[in-house]
Amino acid sequence: MPKDYFLSLEGDDSLDFQSDEEEELSMMDTDVDEKSSLLSGHESYNESGTRKVSGERRKAVIYEEALHMCGFGKFHIFLLFMCGWAVSSDAIEVLSVSFLLPAATCDLSLSSDDKGWLNAVVFLGMMVGGYFWGSLADKWGRRNILIWSLLVNGIGNLGSSVSQVFWLFLICRFFSGVGVGGSMPVVFTYYTEFQHKSRRGAMISLLATFWMTGNIVAAGLAWIVIPREYLSFYSGDFIFNSWRVFVALCTLPSLTAGAMFVLMPESPKYLLQKGKEQDAIAVLKQVHSVNKSSKPFQLEFLVLSEEDIEGCSNLKICESGFYQKLKSTSSQLIQSTLRLFGLSLRRTTITLLLINFSLAFGYYGLFLWFPELFNRIDKYGGSFCDSKSGNSTDNNTICQPGNNVYIDSFLTSISNLPGNILSIFIVERVGRKPLLASSMVLSGLSVFFLWFVKERWQSVLMSCLFGAISVVGFNMLDVLQTELFPTEVRSTSFGVQTAALRVGAILGNVIFGLLVDTYCAVPMFLVAGLLAFGGLASLILPKTTGIDIH
């Protein structure tokens, strides 16, 4: 990050945030001294960047303790809003399709099957992008990959806004999904590696709430723009009507987020893992300076964990594994993936794969269909699975959605707020696993009872209940996925896990599109069952509350 940018923050007393936990955490300073080790030697570097140790005595500090020394303040607040804007842009991109489906039905001649694929194709792109970008982030750095993936997202979405035929619109949505698939796992990895364990769970939960912000922005923007036909532009065969204006506006968050990350530094934990110790220390010093922490920052030698300190006691080459020659991207991807399914991580990896699949199939397989289902209820009355609305295949009668569709969709989107607030304040007290398990089981029950409602207001109420409960599960899953894997495979693991999530979302939307007009009860009960199964499976995950990440 440019130094004058940091200086501008340091001089702004209006941004001076002091953590309520500073006084409580000051007792840990004694632990820092006790855990630190004196090593013989001073460092020198050869041409390849390998550090050699010899000579004088130096003090080693583990990474978690260095984060504690940095304190909490302006930098972390700014980081939260930067990463939060990126998360919001991804949410807007993913959810925007669901809001345009009722209006785009006639323009693109969409059947229910087509709508299912339009909802699903962005997740297909995310599945490809999550694995691809995640491995690149473990090799080339978090920040660079984050910038490029956000730009790909915005450009793909902008292309879809001018697409005049279904197949081209579908292709552009796929490439936009490739961008989202990279930014989502990388932004959480990047953000987590700046957080101390004492507040990590709450801060990740706070970041996850920005998905809700994106959801609300997309719903509000759809409500404001799509019903306004006077915003449309026509020139011969080229049509740029109000729902296309909505799609174009949805590109702005990802493009602006990508541009703003140019100002941010690389993750110090990534730099340390790659053997760039002095670069990592420089970033941490900047964080300490911007935060105006009351703790002194005296750091000469930085290691990832206590095991690394013990490994350096032979006074030869410390952390030599971090200075290996760079391998090819494909080799890095394969090695990281194989480690995820090795003996030490296999059980955690497989369990999280099942949970991601279940939660995505249940949530996205239903939530992205809410605007379409609200449109059918508005036109024909009844409930979600009422035969009158469910069997309607005459698209010409539902091309122009009424205002109620967007009001109901906005209420469902804003229903995420209570669950997000709750998860922030109780995550450290209750724990990740209990919240994830209870959220998914209760979400399944709310979907089960959707089958029994008969009126529009009842459908909206149960949809809001589903939204409020299920978001807690997503927040806890975000926390667990960043805490359960070591630094060198964290982005790859996030990419693999989100790939399973994308498969669930794809199948959920495609199956819903195939069955919604004929056997609506089948996908409803399938969603309820998978959510309950995923919640119970989460109980076998390891505990991560208050534990160092490595």
Protein backbone atom coordinates (compact mmCIF):
# COMPACT_ATOMS: atom_id res chain seq x y z
CA MET A 1 0.00 0.00 0.00
CA PRO A 2 1.37 3.51 -0.79
CA LYS A 3 2.95 5.09 2.28
CA ASP A 4 1.20 8.43 1.82
CA TYR A 5 -2.13 6.58 1.96
CA PHE A 6 -1.22 5.25 5.39
CA LEU A 7 -0.03 8.68 6.48
CA SER A 8 -3.39 10.14 5.53
CA LEU A 9 -5.09 7.61 7.80
CA GLU A 10 -2.65 8.22 10.64
CA GLY A 11 -3.43 11.92 10.62
CA ASP A 12 -7.19 11.47 10.75
CA ASP A 13 -8.25 11.36 14.39
CA SER A 14 -11.89 10.95 13.36
CA LEU A 15 -11.12 7.38 12.40
CA ASP A 16 -9.46 6.49 15.71
CA PHE A 17 -11.12 3.26 16.83
CA GLN A 18 -9.95 1.62 20.02
CA SER A 19 -10.95 -1.97 20.76
CA ASP A 20 -12.92 -2.64 23.94
CA GLU A 21 -10.79 -5.73 24.32
CA GLU A 22 -7.44 -3.87 24.38
CA GLU A 23 -7.19 -3.79 28.17
CA GLU A 24 -8.32 -7.39 28.51
CA LEU A 25 -5.88 -8.60 25.88
CA SER A 26 -2.95 -6.70 27.40
CA MET A 27 -2.43 -9.63 29.74
CA MET A 28 -1.31 -11.61 26.70
CA ASP A 29 1.83 -9.48 26.40
CA THR A 30 3.47 -11.60 29.07
CA ASP A 31 2.71 -14.67 26.97
CA VAL A 32 4.34 -13.06 23.96
CA ASP A 33 7.64 -12.77 25.83
CA GLU A 34 7.38 -16.27 27.29
CA LYS A 35 6.61 -17.92 23.97
CA SER A 36 9.24 -15.99 22.01
CA SER A 37 12.56 -17.68 21.42
CA LEU A 38 16.06 -16.24 21.17
CA LEU A 39 17.84 -17.47 18.09
CA SER A 40 21.49 -17.10 17.23
CA GLY A 41 22.17 -15.34 13.99
CA HIS A 42 21.41 -12.43 11.76
CA GLU A 43 19.79 -12.85 8.39
CA SER A 44 21.16 -12.49 4.89
CA TYR A 45 19.60 -13.33 1.56
CA ASN A 46 20.97 -14.99 -1.52
CA GLU A 47 19.82 -14.15 -5.05
CA SER A 48 16.85 -16.54 -4.87
CA GLY A 49 15.54 -14.91 -1.71
CA THR A 50 16.62 -17.71 0.64
CA ARG A 51 17.52 -16.43 4.08
CA LYS A 52 20.62 -17.60 5.92
CA VAL A 53 21.11 -17.38 9.68
CA SER A 54 24.34 -16.64 11.54
CA GLY A 55 25.83 -14.37 14.19
CA GLU A 56 23.83 -12.42 16.78
CA ARG A 57 20.83 -13.35 18.93
CA ARG A 58 17.34 -12.51 17.69
CA LYS A 59 13.80 -12.84 19.03
CA ALA A 60 11.15 -14.94 17.24
CA VAL A 61 7.44 -14.03 17.46
CA ILE A 62 4.65 -16.24 16.14
CA TYR A 63 2.15 -14.73 13.73
CA GLU A 64 -0.88 -14.70 16.07
CA GLU A 65 1.12 -12.78 18.68
CA ALA A 66 2.24 -10.29 16.03
CA LEU A 67 -1.42 -9.66 15.15
CA HIS A 68 -2.10 -9.03 18.84
CA MET A 69 0.75 -6.51 18.94
CA CYS A 70 -0.83 -4.66 15.97
CA GLY A 71 -3.95 -3.94 18.00
CA PHE A 72 -7.36 -3.24 16.52
CA GLY A 73 -8.39 0.05 14.94
CA LYS A 74 -8.56 2.10 11.78
CA PHE A 75 -6.92 -0.43 9.51
CA HIS A 76 -9.32 -3.22 10.48
CA ILE A 77 -12.36 -0.96 10.04
CA PHE A 78 -11.17 0.10 6.60
CA LEU A 79 -10.34 -3.51 5.72
CA LEU A 80 -13.84 -4.58 6.78
CA PHE A 81 -15.52 -2.10 4.47
CA MET A 82 -13.19 -2.84 1.56
CA CYS A 83 -13.71 -6.59 1.78
CA GLY A 84 -17.39 -6.08 2.62
CA TRP A 85 -17.94 -4.12 -0.58
CA ALA A 86 -16.38 -7.00 -2.54
CA VAL A 87 -18.69 -9.50 -0.80
CA SER A 88 -21.70 -7.26 -1.51
CA SER A 89 -20.75 -7.05 -5.18
CA ASP A 90 -20.67 -10.86 -5.38
CA ALA A 91 -24.08 -11.09 -3.71
CA ILE A 92 -25.54 -8.56 -6.13
CA GLU A 93 -24.16 -10.51 -9.07
CA VAL A 94 -25.48 -13.88 -7.89
CA LEU A 95 -28.93 -12.69 -6.80
CA SER A 96 -29.63 -10.15 -9.55
CA VAL A 97 -30.81 -12.85 -11.98
CA SER A 98 -33.65 -13.91 -9.71
CA PHE A 99 -35.07 -10.37 -9.70
CA LEU A 100 -34.97 -9.95 -13.48
CA LEU A 101 -36.54 -13.31 -14.39
CA PRO A 102 -40.19 -12.16 -14.20
CA ALA A 103 -39.45 -9.14 -16.44
CA ALA A 104 -37.13 -10.95 -18.87
CA THR A 105 -39.57 -13.80 -19.53
CA CYS A 106 -40.98 -12.32 -22.74
CA ASP A 107 -37.81 -10.65 -24.06
CA LEU A 108 -35.82 -13.89 -23.89
CA SER A 109 -38.77 -16.30 -24.37
CA LEU A 110 -38.00 -18.11 -21.12
CA SER A 111 -39.56 -21.38 -20.00
CA SER A 112 -39.31 -22.62 -16.42
CA ASP A 113 -36.40 -24.85 -17.49
CA ASP A 114 -34.61 -21.83 -18.98
CA LYS A 115 -35.10 -19.89 -15.76
CA GLY A 116 -33.63 -22.76 -13.79
CA TRP A 117 -30.53 -22.75 -15.98
CA LEU A 118 -30.17 -18.96 -15.80
CA ASN A 119 -30.15 -19.20 -12.02
CA ALA A 120 -27.78 -22.17 -12.15
CA VAL A 121 -25.21 -21.10 -14.76
CA VAL A 122 -23.62 -18.45 -12.54
CA PHE A 123 -22.91 -21.21 -10.01
CA LEU A 124 -21.39 -23.35 -12.75
CA GLY A 125 -19.00 -20.49 -13.47
CA MET A 126 -18.35 -20.06 -9.76
CA MET A 127 -17.52 -23.75 -9.43
CA VAL A 128 -14.88 -23.45 -12.16
CA GLY A 129 -13.62 -20.10 -10.90
CA GLY A 130 -13.47 -21.08 -7.23
CA TYR A 131 -11.07 -23.94 -7.87
CA PHE A 132 -9.01 -22.08 -10.47
CA TRP A 133 -8.69 -18.72 -8.70
CA GLY A 134 -8.27 -20.30 -5.24
CA SER A 135 -5.17 -22.21 -6.28
CA LEU A 136 -3.76 -19.16 -8.05
CA ALA A 137 -4.24 -17.16 -4.84
CA ASP A 138 -2.17 -19.72 -2.92
CA LYS A 139 0.59 -19.32 -5.50
CA TRP A 140 0.52 -15.68 -6.67
CA GLY A 141 -1.06 -13.87 -3.73
CA ARG A 142 -4.48 -12.95 -2.38
CA ARG A 143 -4.69 -9.31 -3.46
CA ASN A 144 -3.70 -9.71 -7.13
CA ILE A 145 -6.15 -12.55 -7.72
CA LEU A 146 -8.89 -10.66 -5.90
CA ILE A 147 -8.49 -7.67 -8.22
CA TRP A 148 -8.58 -9.74 -11.41
CA SER A 149 -11.52 -11.92 -10.36
CA LEU A 150 -13.62 -8.85 -9.49
CA LEU A 151 -12.87 -7.32 -12.88
CA VAL A 152 -13.85 -10.55 -14.70
CA ASN A 153 -17.10 -10.56 -12.72
CA GLY A 154 -17.97 -6.99 -13.70
CA ILE A 155 -17.07 -7.36 -17.38
CA GLY A 156 -19.09 -10.58 -17.74
CA ASN A 157 -22.13 -8.99 -16.12
CA LEU A 158 -21.84 -5.89 -18.30
CA GLY A 159 -21.80 -8.12 -21.40
CA SER A 160 -24.99 -9.87 -20.27
CA SER A 161 -26.81 -6.53 -20.00
CA VAL A 162 -26.55 -5.97 -23.77
CA SER A 163 -27.16 -9.59 -24.82
CA GLN A 164 -30.26 -9.85 -26.98
CA VAL A 165 -30.68 -13.63 -27.09
CA PHE A 166 -30.92 -16.30 -24.39
CA TRP A 167 -27.79 -18.30 -25.30
CA LEU A 168 -25.51 -15.23 -25.30
CA PHE A 169 -26.99 -14.02 -22.03
CA LEU A 170 -26.31 -17.47 -20.58
CA ILE A 171 -22.64 -17.44 -21.70
CA CYS A 172 -22.01 -13.98 -20.24
CA ARG A 173 -23.56 -15.06 -16.95
CA PHE A 174 -21.20 -18.04 -16.89
CA PHE A 175 -18.10 -15.85 -17.25
CA SER A 176 -19.43 -13.49 -14.63
CA GLY A 177 -19.77 -16.50 -12.33
CA VAL A 178 -16.14 -17.43 -12.99
CA GLY A 179 -15.17 -14.05 -11.53
CA VAL A 180 -17.44 -14.42 -8.50
CA GLY A 181 -16.02 -17.89 -7.88
CA GLY A 182 -12.59 -16.35 -7.41
CA SER A 183 -13.40 -13.27 -5.37
CA MET A 184 -15.60 -15.02 -2.80
CA PRO A 185 -13.10 -17.55 -1.40
CA VAL A 186 -10.09 -15.24 -1.79
CA VAL A 187 -11.66 -12.24 -0.04
CA PHE A 188 -12.51 -14.30 3.05
CA THR A 189 -9.01 -15.82 3.11
CA TYR A 190 -7.39 -12.40 2.71
CA TYR A 191 -9.58 -10.81 5.39
CA THR A 192 -9.12 -13.65 7.91
CA GLU A 193 -5.34 -13.50 7.75
CA PHE A 194 -5.42 -9.99 9.27
CA GLN A 195 -7.63 -11.02 12.24
CA HIS A 196 -6.45 -12.04 15.70
CA LYS A 197 -8.09 -15.18 17.12
CA SER A 198 -9.75 -13.26 19.99
CA ARG A 199 -12.09 -11.48 17.59
CA ARG A 200 -11.74 -13.57 14.43
CA GLY A 201 -15.14 -15.30 14.61
CA ALA A 202 -17.07 -12.08 15.22
CA MET A 203 -15.17 -10.20 12.51
CA ILE A 204 -15.74 -12.91 9.90
CA SER A 205 -19.43 -12.98 10.84
CA LEU A 206 -19.49 -9.22 10.43
CA LEU A 207 -17.93 -9.53 6.98
CA ALA A 208 -20.49 -12.19 6.04
CA THR A 209 -23.30 -9.71 6.78
CA PHE A 210 -22.26 -7.77 3.69
CA TRP A 211 -23.80 -10.58 1.63
CA MET A 212 -27.09 -9.47 3.14
CA THR A 213 -26.21 -5.89 2.22
CA GLY A 214 -25.72 -6.93 -1.39
CA ASN A 215 -28.99 -8.86 -1.29
CA ILE A 216 -30.86 -5.79 -0.03
CA VAL A 217 -29.15 -3.50 -2.56
CA ALA A 218 -30.07 -5.85 -5.43
CA ALA A 219 -33.70 -6.15 -4.24
CA GLY A 220 -34.03 -2.40 -3.70
CA LEU A 221 -32.42 -1.58 -7.04
CA ALA A 222 -34.74 -4.03 -8.81
CA TRP A 223 -37.74 -2.42 -7.10
CA ILE A 224 -36.60 1.06 -8.17
CA VAL A 225 -35.47 0.31 -11.75
CA ILE A 226 -37.25 -2.68 -13.31
CA PRO A 227 -40.88 -1.44 -13.08
CA ARG A 228 -39.83 1.89 -14.71
CA GLU A 229 -40.32 1.21 -18.40
CA TYR A 230 -39.46 4.83 -19.27
CA LEU A 231 -35.81 3.93 -18.57
CA SER A 232 -35.82 1.66 -21.64
CA PHE A 233 -33.98 2.42 -24.87
CA TYR A 234 -34.91 1.00 -28.31
CA SER A 235 -32.94 1.25 -31.56
CA GLY A 236 -34.05 -1.06 -34.35
CA ASP A 237 -33.53 -4.65 -33.20
CA PHE A 238 -31.47 -3.53 -30.21
CA ILE A 239 -33.43 -3.41 -26.96
CA PHE A 240 -32.06 -1.98 -23.73
CA ASN A 241 -35.07 -1.97 -21.47
CA SER A 242 -35.37 -1.39 -17.73
CA TRP A 243 -34.33 -4.85 -16.57
CA ARG A 244 -31.16 -4.55 -18.70
CA VAL A 245 -30.46 -1.16 -17.07
CA PHE A 246 -30.76 -2.97 -13.75
CA VAL A 247 -28.18 -5.58 -14.87
CA ALA A 248 -25.76 -2.86 -16.03
CA LEU A 249 -26.04 -1.02 -12.70
CA CYS A 250 -25.26 -4.27 -10.89
CA THR A 251 -21.77 -4.28 -12.48
CA LEU A 252 -20.64 -1.12 -10.68
CA PRO A 253 -19.93 -2.69 -7.25
CA SER A 254 -17.55 -5.36 -8.60
CA LEU A 255 -15.68 -2.95 -10.88
CA THR A 256 -15.24 -0.34 -8.15
CA ALA A 257 -14.21 -2.99 -5.59
CA GLY A 258 -11.55 -4.33 -7.94
CA ALA A 259 -10.16 -0.84 -8.49
CA MET A 260 -10.06 -0.04 -4.75
CA PHE A 261 -8.07 -3.16 -3.84
CA VAL A 262 -5.10 -1.66 -5.69
CA LEU A 263 -4.66 0.44 -2.53
CA MET A 264 -4.46 -2.58 -0.21
CA PRO A 265 -1.35 -4.55 0.87
CA GLU A 266 -0.80 -8.26 0.34
CA SER A 267 -1.73 -10.60 3.18
CA PRO A 268 1.23 -10.70 5.62
CA LYS A 269 0.50 -14.31 6.45
CA TYR A 270 0.72 -15.26 2.78
CA LEU A 271 4.00 -13.34 2.47
CA LEU A 272 5.40 -15.14 5.50
CA GLN A 273 4.33 -18.53 4.20
CA LYS A 274 6.12 -17.76 0.93
CA GLY A 275 9.32 -16.90 2.77
CA LYS A 276 9.04 -13.10 2.41
CA GLU A 277 9.46 -12.47 6.12
CA GLN A 278 10.63 -8.87 5.87
CA ASP A 279 7.74 -7.95 3.57
CA ALA A 280 5.32 -9.52 6.05
CA ILE A 281 6.87 -7.58 8.94
CA ALA A 282 6.65 -4.35 6.92
CA VAL A 283 2.91 -4.85 6.34
CA LEU A 284 2.32 -5.61 10.03
CA LYS A 285 4.26 -2.48 11.01
CA GLN A 286 2.00 -0.44 8.75
CA VAL A 287 -1.11 -2.02 10.31
CA HIS A 288 0.28 -1.22 13.79
CA SER A 289 1.02 2.38 12.74
CA VAL A 290 -2.43 2.98 11.21
CA ASN A 291 -4.16 1.46 14.25
CA LYS A 292 -2.13 3.67 16.64
CA SER A 293 -1.90 0.69 18.95
CA SER A 294 -0.69 1.34 22.50
CA LYS A 295 1.41 -1.84 22.37
CA PRO A 296 5.04 -1.49 21.27
CA PHE A 297 5.83 -3.19 18.00
CA GLN A 298 9.26 -4.76 18.45
CA LEU A 299 9.42 -7.57 15.95
CA GLU A 300 12.70 -8.83 14.54
CA PHE A 301 11.88 -12.35 13.49
CA LEU A 302 8.43 -13.70 12.50
CA VAL A 303 7.28 -17.33 12.23
CA LEU A 304 3.88 -18.91 11.55
CA SER A 305 3.62 -21.09 14.66
CA GLU A 306 5.43 -22.40 17.73
CA GLU A 307 6.40 -25.49 15.76
CA ASP A 308 8.39 -23.24 13.44
CA ILE A 309 10.25 -21.77 16.41
CA GLU A 310 11.24 -25.24 17.57
CA GLY A 311 12.31 -26.16 14.04
CA CYS A 312 14.66 -23.16 13.98
CA SER A 313 16.54 -24.13 17.13
CA ASN A 314 19.24 -25.90 15.14
CA LEU A 315 20.50 -22.39 14.11
CA LYS A 316 20.87 -23.42 10.48
CA ILE A 317 18.33 -22.50 7.85
CA CYS A 318 15.00 -21.57 9.47
CA GLU A 319 11.78 -22.44 7.69
CA SER A 320 13.61 -23.79 4.70
CA GLY A 321 10.35 -25.22 3.36
CA PHE A 322 9.17 -21.71 2.64
CA TYR A 323 12.05 -21.03 0.26
CA GLN A 324 11.58 -23.80 -2.22
CA LYS A 325 11.63 -23.00 -5.89
CA LEU A 326 8.25 -21.94 -7.28
CA LYS A 327 6.36 -24.83 -8.81
CA SER A 328 3.99 -24.61 -11.72
CA THR A 329 0.40 -23.58 -11.10
CA SER A 330 -0.96 -26.98 -12.05
CA SER A 331 1.43 -28.74 -9.68
CA GLN A 332 0.46 -26.38 -6.87
CA LEU A 333 -3.21 -27.00 -7.49
CA ILE A 334 -2.82 -30.80 -7.46
CA GLN A 335 -0.59 -30.86 -4.38
CA SER A 336 -2.89 -28.57 -2.39
CA THR A 337 -5.93 -30.63 -3.32
CA LEU A 338 -4.25 -33.91 -2.42
CA ARG A 339 -3.31 -32.52 0.97
CA LEU A 340 -6.95 -31.64 1.65
CA PHE A 341 -7.81 -35.33 1.25
CA GLY A 342 -4.78 -36.53 3.21
CA LEU A 343 -5.14 -38.29 6.53
CA SER A 344 -5.06 -35.18 8.73
CA LEU A 345 -7.67 -33.14 6.79
CA ARG A 346 -9.77 -35.81 5.04
CA ARG A 347 -12.62 -36.04 7.56
CA THR A 348 -12.98 -32.27 7.85
CA THR A 349 -12.85 -31.79 4.07
CA ILE A 350 -15.50 -34.43 3.29
CA THR A 351 -17.82 -33.24 6.07
CA LEU A 352 -17.65 -29.66 4.85
CA LEU A 353 -18.27 -30.81 1.27
CA LEU A 354 -21.53 -32.45 2.38
CA ILE A 355 -22.59 -29.40 4.39
CA ASN A 356 -21.83 -26.98 1.55
CA PHE A 357 -23.76 -29.09 -0.92
CA SER A 358 -26.78 -29.45 1.37
CA LEU A 359 -26.94 -25.78 2.33
CA ALA A 360 -26.54 -24.54 -1.24
CA PHE A 361 -29.09 -26.97 -2.68
CA GLY A 362 -31.56 -25.91 0.00
CA TYR A 363 -30.96 -22.18 0.10
CA TYR A 364 -30.21 -21.25 -3.51
CA GLY A 365 -32.52 -23.91 -4.90
CA LEU A 366 -35.40 -22.05 -3.25
CA PHE A 367 -34.31 -18.47 -2.51
CA LEU A 368 -33.51 -17.58 -6.12
CA TRP A 369 -36.99 -18.69 -7.12
CA PHE A 370 -38.80 -16.44 -4.65
CA PRO A 371 -39.32 -13.47 -7.07
CA GLU A 372 -40.68 -15.83 -9.76
CA LEU A 373 -42.95 -17.58 -7.26
CA PHE A 374 -44.13 -14.24 -5.84
CA ASN A 375 -44.94 -13.17 -9.41
CA ARG A 376 -47.11 -16.25 -9.94
CA ILE A 377 -48.90 -15.70 -6.65
CA ASP A 378 -49.46 -12.04 -7.57
CA LYS A 379 -50.95 -13.01 -10.97
CA TYR A 380 -52.95 -16.08 -10.00
CA GLY A 381 -53.31 -16.15 -6.22
CA GLY A 382 -52.80 -19.23 -4.07
CA SER A 383 -49.48 -20.34 -2.62
CA PHE A 384 -46.08 -21.50 -3.90
CA CYS A 385 -47.27 -24.96 -4.79
CA ASP A 386 -50.86 -24.12 -5.59
CA SER A 387 -51.88 -25.88 -8.81
CA LYS A 388 -53.21 -22.70 -10.33
CA SER A 389 -49.92 -20.82 -10.10
CA GLY A 390 -47.62 -23.82 -10.28
CA ASN A 391 -49.01 -25.13 -13.56
CA SER A 392 -49.02 -21.81 -15.37
CA THR A 393 -46.89 -22.07 -18.45
CA ASP A 394 -48.28 -19.15 -20.45
CA ASN A 395 -45.33 -16.81 -20.13
CA ASN A 396 -47.09 -13.92 -21.89
CA THR A 397 -49.42 -13.47 -18.93
CA ILE A 398 -46.61 -12.99 -16.43
CA CYS A 399 -44.15 -10.85 -18.42
CA GLN A 400 -44.94 -7.60 -16.65
CA PRO A 401 -44.46 -8.17 -12.91
CA GLY A 402 -46.50 -6.05 -10.52
CA ASN A 403 -45.06 -3.89 -7.78
CA ASN A 404 -46.01 -6.47 -5.14
CA VAL A 405 -43.42 -8.87 -6.56
CA TYR A 406 -40.56 -6.52 -5.71
CA ILE A 407 -42.03 -5.51 -2.36
CA ASP A 408 -42.27 -9.17 -1.32
CA SER A 409 -38.76 -9.85 -2.63
CA PHE A 410 -37.37 -6.85 -0.76
CA LEU A 411 -38.99 -8.01 2.50
CA THR A 412 -37.50 -11.47 2.02
CA SER A 413 -34.07 -9.97 1.40
CA ILE A 414 -34.14 -7.69 4.43
CA SER A 415 -35.22 -10.62 6.61
CA ASN A 416 -31.54 -11.64 6.65
CA LEU A 417 -30.80 -8.74 8.99
CA PRO A 418 -31.91 -10.32 12.33
CA GLY A 419 -29.93 -13.51 11.65
CA ASN A 420 -26.82 -11.57 10.75
CA ILE A 421 -26.98 -9.43 13.88
CA LEU A 422 -27.59 -12.47 16.06
CA SER A 423 -24.64 -14.40 14.62
CA ILE A 424 -22.24 -11.50 15.23
CA PHE A 425 -23.04 -11.21 18.94
CA ILE A 426 -23.31 -14.87 19.91
CA VAL A 427 -20.78 -16.66 17.69
CA GLU A 428 -17.99 -16.58 20.29
CA ARG A 429 -20.31 -17.50 23.17
CA VAL A 430 -22.38 -20.26 21.61
CA GLY A 431 -19.81 -21.57 19.14
CA ARG A 432 -19.69 -22.19 15.41
CA LYS A 433 -20.96 -25.78 15.33
CA PRO A 434 -24.11 -25.34 17.47
CA LEU A 435 -25.18 -22.29 15.45
CA LEU A 436 -24.55 -24.01 12.11
CA ALA A 437 -26.40 -27.17 13.11
CA SER A 438 -29.43 -25.42 14.63
CA SER A 439 -29.71 -22.95 11.75
CA MET A 440 -29.78 -25.63 9.06
CA VAL A 441 -32.26 -27.85 10.91
CA LEU A 442 -34.64 -24.95 11.62
CA SER A 443 -34.32 -23.76 8.00
CA GLY A 444 -35.38 -27.22 6.85
CA LEU A 445 -38.43 -27.09 9.10
CA SER A 446 -39.46 -23.66 7.76
CA VAL A 447 -39.32 -24.98 4.18
CA PHE A 448 -41.35 -28.04 5.18
CA PHE A 449 -44.16 -25.82 6.49
CA LEU A 450 -44.20 -23.74 3.28
CA TRP A 451 -46.15 -26.61 1.79
CA PHE A 452 -49.05 -25.99 4.19
CA VAL A 453 -49.55 -22.23 3.71
CA LYS A 454 -52.41 -21.05 1.48
CA GLU A 455 -52.35 -17.24 1.42
CA ARG A 456 -49.91 -14.70 -0.02
CA TRP A 457 -49.09 -13.10 3.34
CA GLN A 458 -48.39 -16.53 4.81
CA SER A 459 -46.00 -17.35 1.97
CA VAL A 460 -44.14 -14.05 2.47
CA LEU A 461 -43.96 -14.61 6.24
CA MET A 462 -42.52 -18.13 5.92
CA SER A 463 -40.08 -16.95 3.25
CA CYS A 464 -38.83 -14.23 5.59
CA LEU A 465 -38.46 -16.77 8.39
CA PHE A 466 -36.44 -19.00 6.08
CA GLY A 467 -34.19 -16.09 5.10
CA ALA A 468 -33.61 -14.99 8.71
CA ILE A 469 -32.62 -18.47 9.94
CA SER A 470 -30.62 -19.79 6.99
CA VAL A 471 -28.24 -16.81 6.86
CA VAL A 472 -26.86 -17.79 10.28
CA GLY A 473 -25.76 -21.11 8.79
CA PHE A 474 -23.92 -19.38 5.95
CA ASN A 475 -22.14 -17.05 8.37
CA MET A 476 -20.97 -19.93 10.56
CA LEU A 477 -19.85 -21.90 7.52
CA ASP A 478 -17.75 -18.94 6.39
CA VAL A 479 -16.06 -18.84 9.81
CA LEU A 480 -15.42 -22.59 9.99
CA GLN A 481 -14.00 -22.85 6.46
CA THR A 482 -11.40 -20.19 7.15
CA GLU A 483 -10.39 -21.64 10.52
CA LEU A 484 -10.19 -25.37 9.83
CA PHE A 485 -7.40 -25.34 7.22
CA PRO A 486 -3.73 -24.23 7.35
CA THR A 487 -2.49 -21.15 5.50
CA GLU A 488 -0.75 -22.94 2.63
CA VAL A 489 -3.97 -24.66 1.48
CA ARG A 490 -6.61 -22.26 2.83
CA SER A 491 -7.54 -20.62 -0.48
CA THR A 492 -7.50 -23.97 -2.28
CA SER A 493 -9.70 -25.52 0.43
CA PHE A 494 -12.13 -22.62 0.18
CA GLY A 495 -12.20 -23.11 -3.59
CA VAL A 496 -12.86 -26.85 -3.28
CA GLN A 497 -15.59 -26.33 -0.67
CA THR A 498 -17.29 -23.63 -2.66
CA ALA A 499 -17.14 -25.91 -5.71
CA ALA A 500 -19.33 -28.37 -3.78
CA LEU A 501 -21.58 -25.46 -2.83
CA ARG A 502 -21.91 -24.52 -6.51
CA VAL A 503 -22.83 -28.08 -7.49
CA GLY A 504 -25.59 -28.01 -4.88
CA ALA A 505 -26.84 -24.64 -6.12
CA ILE A 506 -26.78 -25.79 -9.76
CA LEU A 507 -28.72 -28.99 -9.07
CA GLY A 508 -31.14 -27.19 -6.77
CA ASN A 509 -32.07 -24.61 -9.42
CA VAL A 510 -32.21 -27.04 -12.34
CA ILE A 511 -34.35 -29.55 -10.43
CA PHE A 512 -36.65 -26.79 -9.19
CA GLY A 513 -37.07 -25.51 -12.76
CA LEU A 514 -37.91 -29.00 -14.03
CA LEU A 515 -40.45 -29.78 -11.32
CA VAL A 516 -41.95 -26.47 -10.22
CA ASP A 517 -44.78 -26.62 -12.79
CA THR A 518 -45.71 -30.25 -12.20
CA TYR A 519 -44.44 -31.73 -8.91
CA CYS A 520 -43.70 -28.69 -6.76
CA ALA A 521 -43.84 -30.67 -3.50
CA VAL A 522 -40.86 -32.85 -4.52
CA PRO A 523 -38.20 -30.08 -4.57
CA MET A 524 -39.74 -28.50 -1.46
CA PHE A 525 -39.41 -31.66 0.63
CA LEU A 526 -35.99 -32.41 -0.89
CA VAL A 527 -34.76 -28.97 0.21
CA ALA A 528 -36.12 -29.50 3.73
CA GLY A 529 -34.48 -32.92 4.07
CA LEU A 530 -31.04 -31.87 2.80
CA LEU A 531 -30.92 -28.82 5.09
CA ALA A 532 -31.66 -30.99 8.13
CA PHE A 533 -29.05 -33.57 7.05
CA GLY A 534 -26.35 -30.93 6.61
CA GLY A 535 -27.09 -29.47 10.02
CA LEU A 536 -26.67 -32.82 11.76
CA ALA A 537 -23.47 -33.57 9.81
CA SER A 538 -21.86 -30.36 11.12
CA LEU A 539 -21.78 -31.76 14.66
CA ILE A 540 -18.74 -33.92 13.86
CA LEU A 541 -16.54 -30.98 12.81
CA PRO A 542 -13.60 -29.98 15.07
CA LYS A 543 -13.99 -27.09 17.49
CA THR A 544 -12.27 -23.87 16.38
CA THR A 545 -13.42 -21.22 18.87
CA GLY A 546 -10.38 -19.43 20.36
CA ILE A 547 -7.86 -21.63 18.54
CA ASP A 548 -4.86 -20.30 16.55
CA ILE A 549 -5.06 -20.58 12.78
CA HIS A 550 -1.92 -21.96 11.10
